[in-house]
């Protein structure tokens, strides 16, 4: 596609859900001038750009173009291999940049062809905090919960047909697994594996290829940390693998924690929570850490009517520029 007559596309590179420098999931954000830009309309171009960046998510963003809909954007997420059905770290990175560019906006609305409509909210910085305070790079996004019919099928503890294969690939024993639940990430079969709190998740030697043979979407292994007993928040740890969509092991995954918040607080899996959280699980705040090599963390809270999950995390920008297409060099 010749693009010599088109304006250069600005991009930003960021780390999301990054409590400290050097942590968090990295993403690229490419901003298009309109949703009629021919590059925006070309899926091959979107996939090529994602491959050039090589992150677990490249975000493509364009204003919706609807008259009177200021603050509404069309958003899509790609790996180098395929389009993503939902991407938390890409969305929260996008919101961080847009809130900087549009300081008068307190809410951003997004439209995605797979995930539908959702939004992001500017977090108020306490009056006692300066603009450079660590709280000033915290952003909140609200992602859609799983459908009720899916939630009703999760957390029962019923033996799963892939149980042995999952245990072998994850390197855990039968007595260490509390539950295996299935859901769909877009059209892809995905699984949540709940293990006991004493299992050393970080140390597991995982057969990622073996996981890919079991499910084409997300495979999330998770546990309730013993820290929950002495904390006001439910503390969970996890790891996430998705070789079927081009992610061997993700650093920290917003979409996975949307599903985990649903799983822990809205399904029978809530029976595994410490007793103090079982009386009102929908009112619980989750403090989540993903035990990847870079690592990362976020807070997770159910939204109004349990229809969404609010994810709160820090974003750090580490680069920006303009794309130069091959045929322009």
C-alpha atoms as a PDB file:
ATOM      1  CA  UNK A   1       0.000   0.000   0.000  1.00  0.00           C
ATOM      2  CA  UNK A   2       1.460   3.351  -1.047  1.00  0.00           C
ATOM      3  CA  UNK A   3       1.121   5.871   1.750  1.00  0.00           C
ATOM      4  CA  UNK A   4       3.336   8.710   0.531  1.00  0.00           C
ATOM      5  CA  UNK A   5       0.325  11.055   0.423  1.00  0.00           C
ATOM      6  CA  UNK A   6      -0.832  10.135   3.924  1.00  0.00           C
ATOM      7  CA  UNK A   7       0.260  11.837   7.148  1.00  0.00           C
ATOM      8  CA  UNK A   8       2.831   9.970   9.272  1.00  0.00           C
ATOM      9  CA  UNK A   9       1.339   7.994  12.134  1.00  0.00           C
ATOM     10  CA  UNK A  10       2.412   8.885  15.674  1.00  0.00           C
ATOM     11  CA  UNK A  11       3.245   6.012  17.987  1.00  0.00           C
ATOM     12  CA  UNK A  12       3.998   5.554  21.676  1.00  0.00           C
ATOM     13  CA  UNK A  13       5.639   2.630  23.469  1.00  0.00           C
ATOM     14  CA  UNK A  14       4.628   1.964  27.063  1.00  0.00           C
ATOM     15  CA  UNK A  15       4.714  -0.444  29.986  1.00  0.00           C
ATOM     16  CA  UNK A  16       1.353  -1.104  31.630  1.00  0.00           C
ATOM     17  CA  UNK A  17       0.423  -2.437  35.056  1.00  0.00           C
ATOM     18  CA  UNK A  18       3.971  -1.477  35.981  1.00  0.00           C
ATOM     19  CA  UNK A  19       4.301  -0.702  39.703  1.00  0.00           C
ATOM     20  CA  UNK A  20       8.031   0.008  39.277  1.00  0.00           C
ATOM     21  CA  UNK A  21      10.336   0.811  36.393  1.00  0.00           C
ATOM     22  CA  UNK A  22      11.320  -2.276  34.386  1.00  0.00           C
ATOM     23  CA  UNK A  23       8.072  -4.128  35.138  1.00  0.00           C
ATOM     24  CA  UNK A  24       4.743  -4.390  33.343  1.00  0.00           C
ATOM     25  CA  UNK A  25       3.534  -5.500  29.923  1.00  0.00           C
ATOM     26  CA  UNK A  26       4.937  -3.558  27.001  1.00  0.00           C
ATOM     27  CA  UNK A  27       2.690  -2.280  24.235  1.00  0.00           C
ATOM     28  CA  UNK A  28       2.851  -0.010  21.218  1.00  0.00           C
ATOM     29  CA  UNK A  29       0.076   2.469  20.444  1.00  0.00           C
ATOM     30  CA  UNK A  30      -0.437   3.755  16.893  1.00  0.00           C
ATOM     31  CA  UNK A  31      -2.895   6.636  16.429  1.00  0.00           C
ATOM     32  CA  UNK A  32      -4.695   7.159  13.107  1.00  0.00           C
ATOM     33  CA  UNK A  33      -6.175  10.524  12.075  1.00  0.00           C
ATOM     34  CA  UNK A  34      -9.573   9.011  11.209  1.00  0.00           C
ATOM     35  CA  UNK A  35     -11.405   5.709  10.857  1.00  0.00           C
ATOM     36  CA  UNK A  36     -11.454   6.238   7.083  1.00  0.00           C
ATOM     37  CA  UNK A  37      -7.650   6.224   6.792  1.00  0.00           C
ATOM     38  CA  UNK A  38      -6.801   3.418   4.320  1.00  0.00           C
ATOM     39  CA  UNK A  39      -4.123   2.063   6.658  1.00  0.00           C
ATOM     40  CA  UNK A  40      -6.712   1.703   9.442  1.00  0.00           C
ATOM     41  CA  UNK A  41      -8.981  -0.219   7.059  1.00  0.00           C
ATOM     42  CA  UNK A  42      -6.244  -2.671   5.986  1.00  0.00           C
ATOM     43  CA  UNK A  43      -5.946  -5.610   8.395  1.00  0.00           C
ATOM     44  CA  UNK A  44      -2.732  -6.731   6.689  1.00  0.00           C
ATOM     45  CA  UNK A  45      -1.168  -3.366   7.491  1.00  0.00           C
ATOM     46  CA  UNK A  46      -2.319  -3.543  11.122  1.00  0.00           C
ATOM     47  CA  UNK A  47      -0.827  -7.019  11.478  1.00  0.00           C
ATOM     48  CA  UNK A  48       2.429  -5.971   9.772  1.00  0.00           C
ATOM     49  CA  UNK A  49       2.909  -3.048  12.141  1.00  0.00           C
ATOM     50  CA  UNK A  50       2.272  -5.317  15.131  1.00  0.00           C
ATOM     51  CA  UNK A  51       4.913  -7.690  13.784  1.00  0.00           C
ATOM     52  CA  UNK A  52       7.389  -4.836  13.403  1.00  0.00           C
ATOM     53  CA  UNK A  53       6.951  -3.785  17.028  1.00  0.00           C
ATOM     54  CA  UNK A  54       6.978  -7.375  18.287  1.00  0.00           C
ATOM     55  CA  UNK A  55       5.242  -6.672  21.614  1.00  0.00           C
ATOM     56  CA  UNK A  56       2.481  -8.846  23.047  1.00  0.00           C
ATOM     57  CA  UNK A  57       0.084  -6.114  21.936  1.00  0.00           C
ATOM     58  CA  UNK A  58       0.121  -3.319  19.399  1.00  0.00           C
ATOM     59  CA  UNK A  59      -2.878  -1.020  19.745  1.00  0.00           C
ATOM     60  CA  UNK A  60      -4.412   0.653  16.698  1.00  0.00           C
ATOM     61  CA  UNK A  61      -6.618   3.619  17.563  1.00  0.00           C
ATOM     62  CA  UNK A  62      -8.840   5.934  15.513  1.00  0.00           C
ATOM     63  CA  UNK A  63     -11.536   8.470  16.476  1.00  0.00           C
ATOM     64  CA  UNK A  64     -14.989   6.995  15.972  1.00  0.00           C
ATOM     65  CA  UNK A  65     -15.979   9.744  13.580  1.00  0.00           C
ATOM     66  CA  UNK A  66     -19.488   9.992  15.005  1.00  0.00           C
ATOM     67  CA  UNK A  67     -20.713  13.548  15.165  1.00  0.00           C
ATOM     68  CA  UNK A  68     -21.026  14.757  18.732  1.00  0.00           C
ATOM     69  CA  UNK A  69     -19.133  11.759  20.107  1.00  0.00           C
ATOM     70  CA  UNK A  70     -16.039  13.509  21.415  1.00  0.00           C
ATOM     71  CA  UNK A  71     -14.054  11.146  23.569  1.00  0.00           C
ATOM     72  CA  UNK A  72     -15.036   8.013  21.628  1.00  0.00           C
ATOM     73  CA  UNK A  73     -12.480   5.893  19.795  1.00  0.00           C
ATOM     74  CA  UNK A  74     -12.381   2.695  17.797  1.00  0.00           C
ATOM     75  CA  UNK A  75      -9.686   0.393  19.160  1.00  0.00           C
ATOM     76  CA  UNK A  76      -8.136  -2.875  17.973  1.00  0.00           C
ATOM     77  CA  UNK A  77      -5.294  -4.963  19.393  1.00  0.00           C
ATOM     78  CA  UNK A  78      -2.889  -7.255  17.527  1.00  0.00           C
ATOM     79  CA  UNK A  79       0.000  -9.566  18.277  1.00  0.00           C
ATOM     80  CA  UNK A  80       2.445 -10.404  15.507  1.00  0.00           C
ATOM     81  CA  UNK A  81       0.282 -13.453  14.823  1.00  0.00           C
ATOM     82  CA  UNK A  82      -3.374 -12.475  15.208  1.00  0.00           C
ATOM     83  CA  UNK A  83      -5.986 -10.022  16.431  1.00  0.00           C
ATOM     84  CA  UNK A  84      -6.797 -10.076  20.151  1.00  0.00           C
ATOM     85  CA  UNK A  85     -10.338 -10.380  21.496  1.00  0.00           C
ATOM     86  CA  UNK A  86      -9.616  -8.172  24.537  1.00  0.00           C
ATOM     87  CA  UNK A  87      -6.466  -6.479  25.779  1.00  0.00           C
ATOM     88  CA  UNK A  88      -6.213  -4.759  29.135  1.00  0.00           C
ATOM     89  CA  UNK A  89      -2.602  -3.575  29.028  1.00  0.00           C
ATOM     90  CA  UNK A  90      -3.064  -2.137  25.549  1.00  0.00           C
ATOM     91  CA  UNK A  91      -6.216  -0.299  26.599  1.00  0.00           C
ATOM     92  CA  UNK A  92      -4.825   1.151  29.808  1.00  0.00           C
ATOM     93  CA  UNK A  93      -1.709   2.309  27.908  1.00  0.00           C
ATOM     94  CA  UNK A  94      -3.960   4.012  25.355  1.00  0.00           C
ATOM     95  CA  UNK A  95      -5.953   5.727  28.092  1.00  0.00           C
ATOM     96  CA  UNK A  96      -2.791   7.025  29.725  1.00  0.00           C
ATOM     97  CA  UNK A  97      -1.774   8.784  26.492  1.00  0.00           C
ATOM     98  CA  UNK A  98      -5.261  10.088  25.670  1.00  0.00           C
ATOM     99  CA  UNK A  99      -5.746  11.553  29.140  1.00  0.00           C
ATOM    100  CA  UNK A 100      -2.480  13.444  28.631  1.00  0.00           C
ATOM    101  CA  UNK A 101      -3.556  14.682  25.202  1.00  0.00           C
ATOM    102  CA  UNK A 102      -7.100  15.609  26.285  1.00  0.00           C
ATOM    103  CA  UNK A 103      -6.803  17.011  29.823  1.00  0.00           C
ATOM    104  CA  UNK A 104     -10.426  18.217  29.792  1.00  0.00           C
ATOM    105  CA  UNK A 105     -11.763  14.662  29.388  1.00  0.00           C
ATOM    106  CA  UNK A 106     -12.535  12.522  32.422  1.00  0.00           C
ATOM    107  CA  UNK A 107     -14.019   9.552  30.551  1.00  0.00           C
ATOM    108  CA  UNK A 108     -12.884   7.822  27.367  1.00  0.00           C
ATOM    109  CA  UNK A 109     -15.212   5.516  25.445  1.00  0.00           C
ATOM    110  CA  UNK A 110     -13.970   2.679  23.261  1.00  0.00           C
ATOM    111  CA  UNK A 111     -15.556   0.488  20.600  1.00  0.00           C
ATOM    112  CA  UNK A 112     -14.051  -2.841  19.533  1.00  0.00           C
ATOM    113  CA  UNK A 113     -15.567  -5.217  16.942  1.00  0.00           C
ATOM    114  CA  UNK A 114     -15.112  -8.237  19.238  1.00  0.00           C
ATOM    115  CA  UNK A 115     -15.296  -6.924  22.816  1.00  0.00           C
ATOM    116  CA  UNK A 116     -17.966  -4.284  22.173  1.00  0.00           C
ATOM    117  CA  UNK A 117     -18.152  -1.024  24.157  1.00  0.00           C
ATOM    118  CA  UNK A 118     -16.242  -0.147  27.314  1.00  0.00           C
ATOM    119  CA  UNK A 119     -14.577   2.867  28.904  1.00  0.00           C
ATOM    120  CA  UNK A 120     -11.743   4.328  30.927  1.00  0.00           C
ATOM    121  CA  UNK A 121     -11.922   6.838  33.774  1.00  0.00           C
ATOM    122  CA  UNK A 122      -9.417   9.443  34.841  1.00  0.00           C
ATOM    123  CA  UNK A 123      -8.349   8.873  38.442  1.00  0.00           C
ATOM    124  CA  UNK A 124      -8.288  11.944  40.627  1.00  0.00           C
ATOM    125  CA  UNK A 125      -4.883  12.765  42.064  1.00  0.00           C
ATOM    126  CA  UNK A 126      -5.179  13.702  45.773  1.00  0.00           C
ATOM    127  CA  UNK A 127      -4.772  17.440  46.434  1.00  0.00           C
ATOM    128  CA  UNK A 128      -1.732  16.689  48.570  1.00  0.00           C
ATOM    129  CA  UNK A 129      -0.017  15.014  45.603  1.00  0.00           C
ATOM    130  CA  UNK A 130       2.134  16.839  43.074  1.00  0.00           C
ATOM    131  CA  UNK A 131       1.843  16.226  39.330  1.00  0.00           C
ATOM    132  CA  UNK A 132       4.986  14.130  39.521  1.00  0.00           C
ATOM    133  CA  UNK A 133       3.573  11.922  42.241  1.00  0.00           C
ATOM    134  CA  UNK A 134       3.619   8.183  41.579  1.00  0.00           C
ATOM    135  CA  UNK A 135      -0.182   8.240  41.748  1.00  0.00           C
ATOM    136  CA  UNK A 136      -0.376  10.538  38.697  1.00  0.00           C
ATOM    137  CA  UNK A 137       0.400   7.701  36.275  1.00  0.00           C
ATOM    138  CA  UNK A 138      -2.359   5.478  37.617  1.00  0.00           C
ATOM    139  CA  UNK A 139      -5.259   4.818  35.234  1.00  0.00           C
ATOM    140  CA  UNK A 140      -8.548   2.940  35.528  1.00  0.00           C
ATOM    141  CA  UNK A 141     -10.232   0.990  32.743  1.00  0.00           C
ATOM    142  CA  UNK A 142     -13.507  -0.947  32.812  1.00  0.00           C
ATOM    143  CA  UNK A 143     -13.615  -4.130  30.746  1.00  0.00           C
ATOM    144  CA  UNK A 144     -16.687  -6.297  30.066  1.00  0.00           C
ATOM    145  CA  UNK A 145     -17.397  -9.257  32.351  1.00  0.00           C
ATOM    146  CA  UNK A 146     -17.934 -12.748  31.020  1.00  0.00           C
ATOM    147  CA  UNK A 147     -21.548 -13.619  30.133  1.00  0.00           C
ATOM    148  CA  UNK A 148     -23.722 -14.980  32.939  1.00  0.00           C
ATOM    149  CA  UNK A 149     -24.149 -18.346  31.227  1.00  0.00           C
ATOM    150  CA  UNK A 150     -20.363 -18.766  31.181  1.00  0.00           C
ATOM    151  CA  UNK A 151     -20.004 -17.758  34.832  1.00  0.00           C
ATOM    152  CA  UNK A 152     -22.636 -20.318  35.837  1.00  0.00           C
ATOM    153  CA  UNK A 153     -20.492 -23.060  34.305  1.00  0.00           C
ATOM    154  CA  UNK A 154     -17.310 -22.108  36.178  1.00  0.00           C
ATOM    155  CA  UNK A 155     -15.874 -22.862  39.590  1.00  0.00           C
ATOM    156  CA  UNK A 156     -17.772 -26.079  40.280  1.00  0.00           C
ATOM    157  CA  UNK A 157     -14.693 -28.222  40.888  1.00  0.00           C
ATOM    158  CA  UNK A 158     -15.994 -30.849  38.469  1.00  0.00           C
ATOM    159  CA  UNK A 159     -13.152 -32.907  36.954  1.00  0.00           C
ATOM    160  CA  UNK A 160     -12.181 -31.554  33.531  1.00  0.00           C
ATOM    161  CA  UNK A 161     -11.440 -33.733  30.526  1.00  0.00           C
ATOM    162  CA  UNK A 162      -8.085 -31.990  30.058  1.00  0.00           C
ATOM    163  CA  UNK A 163      -7.123 -32.316  33.716  1.00  0.00           C
ATOM    164  CA  UNK A 164      -4.257 -34.770  33.319  1.00  0.00           C
ATOM    165  CA  UNK A 165      -2.788 -32.991  30.300  1.00  0.00           C
ATOM    166  CA  UNK A 166      -2.946 -29.645  32.080  1.00  0.00           C
ATOM    167  CA  UNK A 167      -1.332 -30.988  35.243  1.00  0.00           C
ATOM    168  CA  UNK A 168       1.459 -32.567  33.215  1.00  0.00           C
ATOM    169  CA  UNK A 169       2.091 -29.419  31.165  1.00  0.00           C
ATOM    170  CA  UNK A 170       2.010 -27.136  34.207  1.00  0.00           C
ATOM    171  CA  UNK A 171       4.049 -29.469  36.383  1.00  0.00           C
ATOM    172  CA  UNK A 172       1.563 -29.707  39.268  1.00  0.00           C
ATOM    173  CA  UNK A 173       0.176 -32.696  41.109  1.00  0.00           C
ATOM    174  CA  UNK A 174      -3.440 -33.837  41.155  1.00  0.00           C
ATOM    175  CA  UNK A 175      -3.748 -32.975  44.856  1.00  0.00           C
ATOM    176  CA  UNK A 176      -2.517 -29.410  44.184  1.00  0.00           C
ATOM    177  CA  UNK A 177      -5.323 -28.495  41.750  1.00  0.00           C
ATOM    178  CA  UNK A 178      -8.582 -27.202  43.254  1.00  0.00           C
ATOM    179  CA  UNK A 179     -10.534 -26.414  40.089  1.00  0.00           C
ATOM    180  CA  UNK A 180     -10.321 -26.203  36.305  1.00  0.00           C
ATOM    181  CA  UNK A 181     -12.828 -23.969  34.525  1.00  0.00           C
ATOM    182  CA  UNK A 182     -13.297 -23.315  30.817  1.00  0.00           C
ATOM    183  CA  UNK A 183     -14.323 -20.150  28.971  1.00  0.00           C
ATOM    184  CA  UNK A 184     -13.841 -18.557  25.561  1.00  0.00           C
ATOM    185  CA  UNK A 185     -11.367 -15.806  24.722  1.00  0.00           C
ATOM    186  CA  UNK A 186     -13.051 -14.609  21.554  1.00  0.00           C
ATOM    187  CA  UNK A 187     -13.501 -17.898  19.703  1.00  0.00           C
ATOM    188  CA  UNK A 188     -10.577 -19.582  21.466  1.00  0.00           C
ATOM    189  CA  UNK A 189     -10.933 -22.270  24.117  1.00  0.00           C
ATOM    190  CA  UNK A 190      -9.384 -20.964  27.346  1.00  0.00           C
ATOM    191  CA  UNK A 191      -8.860 -22.335  30.849  1.00  0.00           C
ATOM    192  CA  UNK A 192      -8.425 -21.172  34.430  1.00  0.00           C
ATOM    193  CA  UNK A 193      -6.525 -23.576  36.672  1.00  0.00           C
ATOM    194  CA  UNK A 194      -6.833 -22.831  40.404  1.00  0.00           C
ATOM    195  CA  UNK A 195      -4.083 -24.336  42.551  1.00  0.00           C
ATOM    196  CA  UNK A 196      -3.417 -24.300  46.274  1.00  0.00           C
ATOM    197  CA  UNK A 197      -1.743 -21.281  47.834  1.00  0.00           C
ATOM    198  CA  UNK A 198       1.383 -23.165  48.824  1.00  0.00           C
ATOM    199  CA  UNK A 199       2.248 -24.133  45.217  1.00  0.00           C
ATOM    200  CA  UNK A 200       5.351 -22.251  43.998  1.00  0.00           C
ATOM    201  CA  UNK A 201       3.920 -20.727  40.819  1.00  0.00           C
ATOM    202  CA  UNK A 202       7.058 -18.828  39.897  1.00  0.00           C
ATOM    203  CA  UNK A 203       9.196 -21.960  40.007  1.00  0.00           C
ATOM    204  CA  UNK A 204       6.968 -24.146  37.804  1.00  0.00           C
ATOM    205  CA  UNK A 205       8.685 -25.469  34.681  1.00  0.00           C
ATOM    206  CA  UNK A 206       5.836 -25.186  32.186  1.00  0.00           C
ATOM    207  CA  UNK A 207       5.543 -27.087  28.914  1.00  0.00           C
ATOM    208  CA  UNK A 208       4.151 -24.216  26.829  1.00  0.00           C
ATOM    209  CA  UNK A 209       3.896 -26.296  23.662  1.00  0.00           C
ATOM    210  CA  UNK A 210       1.911 -28.878  25.603  1.00  0.00           C
ATOM    211  CA  UNK A 211      -0.491 -26.172  26.802  1.00  0.00           C
ATOM    212  CA  UNK A 212      -0.952 -25.012  23.217  1.00  0.00           C
ATOM    213  CA  UNK A 213      -2.113 -28.488  22.258  1.00  0.00           C
ATOM    214  CA  UNK A 214      -4.840 -28.345  24.916  1.00  0.00           C
ATOM    215  CA  UNK A 215      -6.306 -24.878  24.336  1.00  0.00           C
ATOM    216  CA  UNK A 216      -5.860 -22.260  21.611  1.00  0.00           C
ATOM    217  CA  UNK A 217      -6.612 -19.262  23.867  1.00  0.00           C
ATOM    218  CA  UNK A 218      -5.521 -18.235  27.362  1.00  0.00           C
ATOM    219  CA  UNK A 219      -4.350 -20.767  29.940  1.00  0.00           C
ATOM    220  CA  UNK A 220      -4.289 -19.044  33.339  1.00  0.00           C
ATOM    221  CA  UNK A 221      -2.866 -20.714  36.446  1.00  0.00           C
ATOM    222  CA  UNK A 222      -3.802 -18.872  39.610  1.00  0.00           C
ATOM    223  CA  UNK A 223      -3.840 -19.103  43.385  1.00  0.00           C
ATOM    224  CA  UNK A 224      -5.043 -17.250  46.454  1.00  0.00           C
ATOM    225  CA  UNK A 225      -1.999 -16.050  48.358  1.00  0.00           C
ATOM    226  CA  UNK A 226      -1.731 -16.771  52.099  1.00  0.00           C
ATOM    227  CA  UNK A 227      -1.148 -12.985  52.418  1.00  0.00           C
ATOM    228  CA  UNK A 228      -4.919 -12.588  52.004  1.00  0.00           C
ATOM    229  CA  UNK A 229      -5.472 -13.687  55.590  1.00  0.00           C
ATOM    230  CA  UNK A 230      -3.780 -10.573  56.962  1.00  0.00           C
ATOM    231  CA  UNK A 231      -4.753  -8.133  54.190  1.00  0.00           C
ATOM    232  CA  UNK A 232      -7.854  -6.021  53.616  1.00  0.00           C
ATOM    233  CA  UNK A 233      -7.676  -7.112  49.966  1.00  0.00           C
ATOM    234  CA  UNK A 234      -7.855 -10.528  48.353  1.00  0.00           C
ATOM    235  CA  UNK A 235      -4.292 -11.200  47.204  1.00  0.00           C
ATOM    236  CA  UNK A 236      -3.937 -13.425  44.150  1.00  0.00           C
ATOM    237  CA  UNK A 237      -0.980 -14.590  42.059  1.00  0.00           C
ATOM    238  CA  UNK A 238      -1.070 -15.907  38.511  1.00  0.00           C
ATOM    239  CA  UNK A 239       0.746 -16.779  35.310  1.00  0.00           C
ATOM    240  CA  UNK A 240      -0.780 -16.697  31.810  1.00  0.00           C
ATOM    241  CA  UNK A 241       0.159 -18.566  28.637  1.00  0.00           C
ATOM    242  CA  UNK A 242      -1.390 -18.209  25.184  1.00  0.00           C
ATOM    243  CA  UNK A 243       0.822 -19.809  22.520  1.00  0.00           C
ATOM    244  CA  UNK A 244      -2.168 -20.281  20.231  1.00  0.00           C
ATOM    245  CA  UNK A 245      -2.482 -16.517  19.731  1.00  0.00           C
ATOM    246  CA  UNK A 246       1.232 -15.771  19.623  1.00  0.00           C
ATOM    247  CA  UNK A 247       1.974 -15.184  23.333  1.00  0.00           C
ATOM    248  CA  UNK A 248       4.225 -17.757  24.977  1.00  0.00           C
ATOM    249  CA  UNK A 249       3.974 -16.325  28.500  1.00  0.00           C
ATOM    250  CA  UNK A 250       2.504 -12.876  29.040  1.00  0.00           C
ATOM    251  CA  UNK A 251       4.041 -10.382  31.436  1.00  0.00           C
ATOM    252  CA  UNK A 252       0.797  -9.190  33.019  1.00  0.00           C
ATOM    253  CA  UNK A 253      -2.600  -9.555  31.407  1.00  0.00           C
ATOM    254  CA  UNK A 254      -5.535  -7.205  31.922  1.00  0.00           C
ATOM    255  CA  UNK A 255      -8.048  -9.401  30.136  1.00  0.00           C
ATOM    256  CA  UNK A 256      -7.008 -12.441  32.187  1.00  0.00           C
ATOM    257  CA  UNK A 257      -7.531 -10.490  35.404  1.00  0.00           C
ATOM    258  CA  UNK A 258     -10.954  -9.418  34.204  1.00  0.00           C
ATOM    259  CA  UNK A 259     -11.817 -13.108  33.889  1.00  0.00           C
ATOM    260  CA  UNK A 260     -10.111 -13.950  37.198  1.00  0.00           C
ATOM    261  CA  UNK A 261     -12.099 -11.255  39.021  1.00  0.00           C
ATOM    262  CA  UNK A 262     -15.296 -12.757  37.578  1.00  0.00           C
ATOM    263  CA  UNK A 263     -14.112 -16.238  38.523  1.00  0.00           C
ATOM    264  CA  UNK A 264     -13.153 -15.534  42.128  1.00  0.00           C
ATOM    265  CA  UNK A 265     -16.058 -13.228  43.002  1.00  0.00           C
ATOM    266  CA  UNK A 266     -19.027 -14.302  40.837  1.00  0.00           C
ATOM    267  CA  UNK A 267     -18.813 -18.095  40.589  1.00  0.00           C
ATOM    268  CA  UNK A 268     -18.887 -20.980  43.082  1.00  0.00           C
ATOM    269  CA  UNK A 269     -15.087 -20.629  43.212  1.00  0.00           C
ATOM    270  CA  UNK A 270     -15.764 -17.945  45.838  1.00  0.00           C
ATOM    271  CA  UNK A 271     -15.991 -20.828  48.326  1.00  0.00           C
ATOM    272  CA  UNK A 272     -12.189 -20.992  48.164  1.00  0.00           C
ATOM    273  CA  UNK A 273     -11.854 -17.413  49.437  1.00  0.00           C
ATOM    274  CA  UNK A 274     -10.807 -16.771  53.026  1.00  0.00           C
ATOM    275  CA  UNK A 275     -13.922 -16.711  55.186  1.00  0.00           C
ATOM    276  CA  UNK A 276     -13.834 -12.936  55.754  1.00  0.00           C
ATOM    277  CA  UNK A 277     -14.340 -12.347  51.992  1.00  0.00           C
ATOM    278  CA  UNK A 278     -17.154 -14.882  51.511  1.00  0.00           C
ATOM    279  CA  UNK A 279     -19.925 -12.765  53.063  1.00  0.00           C
ATOM    280  CA  UNK A 280     -19.831 -10.154  50.285  1.00  0.00           C
ATOM    281  CA  UNK A 281     -17.490 -11.315  47.531  1.00  0.00           C
ATOM    282  CA  UNK A 282     -18.793  -8.750  45.028  1.00  0.00           C
ATOM    283  CA  UNK A 283     -17.481  -5.989  47.310  1.00  0.00           C
ATOM    284  CA  UNK A 284     -13.941  -7.379  47.479  1.00  0.00           C
ATOM    285  CA  UNK A 285     -10.903  -5.577  46.054  1.00  0.00           C
ATOM    286  CA  UNK A 286      -8.344  -7.910  44.490  1.00  0.00           C
ATOM    287  CA  UNK A 287      -4.631  -7.113  44.632  1.00  0.00           C
ATOM    288  CA  UNK A 288      -3.176  -9.081  41.735  1.00  0.00           C
ATOM    289  CA  UNK A 289       0.408  -9.942  40.817  1.00  0.00           C
ATOM    290  CA  UNK A 290       1.514 -11.838  37.725  1.00  0.00           C
ATOM    291  CA  UNK A 291       4.650 -13.905  38.315  1.00  0.00           C
ATOM    292  CA  UNK A 292       6.302 -13.525  34.917  1.00  0.00           C
ATOM    293  CA  UNK A 293       9.953 -12.604  34.399  1.00  0.00           C
ATOM    294  CA  UNK A 294       9.233  -8.827  34.305  1.00  0.00           C
ATOM    295  CA  UNK A 295       6.215  -9.062  36.583  1.00  0.00           C
ATOM    296  CA  UNK A 296       3.495  -6.527  37.213  1.00  0.00           C
ATOM    297  CA  UNK A 297       0.452  -5.781  39.326  1.00  0.00           C
ATOM    298  CA  UNK A 298      -2.969  -4.163  39.453  1.00  0.00           C
ATOM    299  CA  UNK A 299      -6.103  -3.747  41.539  1.00  0.00           C
ATOM    300  CA  UNK A 300      -9.323  -5.373  40.327  1.00  0.00           C
ATOM    301  CA  UNK A 301     -12.836  -4.376  41.426  1.00  0.00           C
ATOM    302  CA  UNK A 302     -16.232  -5.407  40.098  1.00  0.00           C
ATOM    303  CA  UNK A 303     -18.080  -2.568  38.367  1.00  0.00           C
ATOM    304  CA  UNK A 304     -21.697  -1.505  38.733  1.00  0.00           C
ATOM    305  CA  UNK A 305     -24.082  -4.428  38.446  1.00  0.00           C
ATOM    306  CA  UNK A 306     -21.097  -6.773  38.028  1.00  0.00           C
ATOM    307  CA  UNK A 307     -21.289  -6.075  34.286  1.00  0.00           C
ATOM    308  CA  UNK A 308     -17.704  -4.848  34.134  1.00  0.00           C
ATOM    309  CA  UNK A 309     -14.418  -5.202  35.960  1.00  0.00           C
ATOM    310  CA  UNK A 310     -12.443  -2.104  36.943  1.00  0.00           C
ATOM    311  CA  UNK A 311      -8.690  -2.534  36.545  1.00  0.00           C
ATOM    312  CA  UNK A 312      -6.402   0.056  38.138  1.00  0.00           C
ATOM    313  CA  UNK A 313      -2.711   0.169  37.387  1.00  0.00           C
ATOM    314  CA  UNK A 314       0.297   2.337  36.633  1.00  0.00           C
ATOM    315  CA  UNK A 315       1.530   3.104  33.107  1.00  0.00           C
ATOM    316  CA  UNK A 316       5.013   4.248  32.100  1.00  0.00           C
ATOM    317  CA  UNK A 317       5.857   5.668  28.665  1.00  0.00           C
ATOM    318  CA  UNK A 318       9.381   4.956  27.437  1.00  0.00           C
ATOM    319  CA  UNK A 319       9.347   6.134  23.829  1.00  0.00           C
ATOM    320  CA  UNK A 320       7.454   7.823  20.998  1.00  0.00           C
ATOM    321  CA  UNK A 321       7.886   8.808  17.368  1.00  0.00           C
ATOM    322  CA  UNK A 322       6.362   8.471  13.909  1.00  0.00           C
ATOM    323  CA  UNK A 323       6.038   5.416  11.710  1.00  0.00           C
ATOM    324  CA  UNK A 324       7.968   5.455   8.446  1.00  0.00           C
ATOM    325  CA  UNK A 325       6.565   2.949   5.954  1.00  0.00           C
ATOM    326  CA  UNK A 326       8.918   0.818   3.865  1.00  0.00           C
ATOM    327  CA  UNK A 327       7.852   2.440   0.598  1.00  0.00           C
ATOM    328  CA  UNK A 328       8.619   5.903   1.991  1.00  0.00           C
ATOM    329  CA  UNK A 329      12.255   5.175   2.794  1.00  0.00           C
END
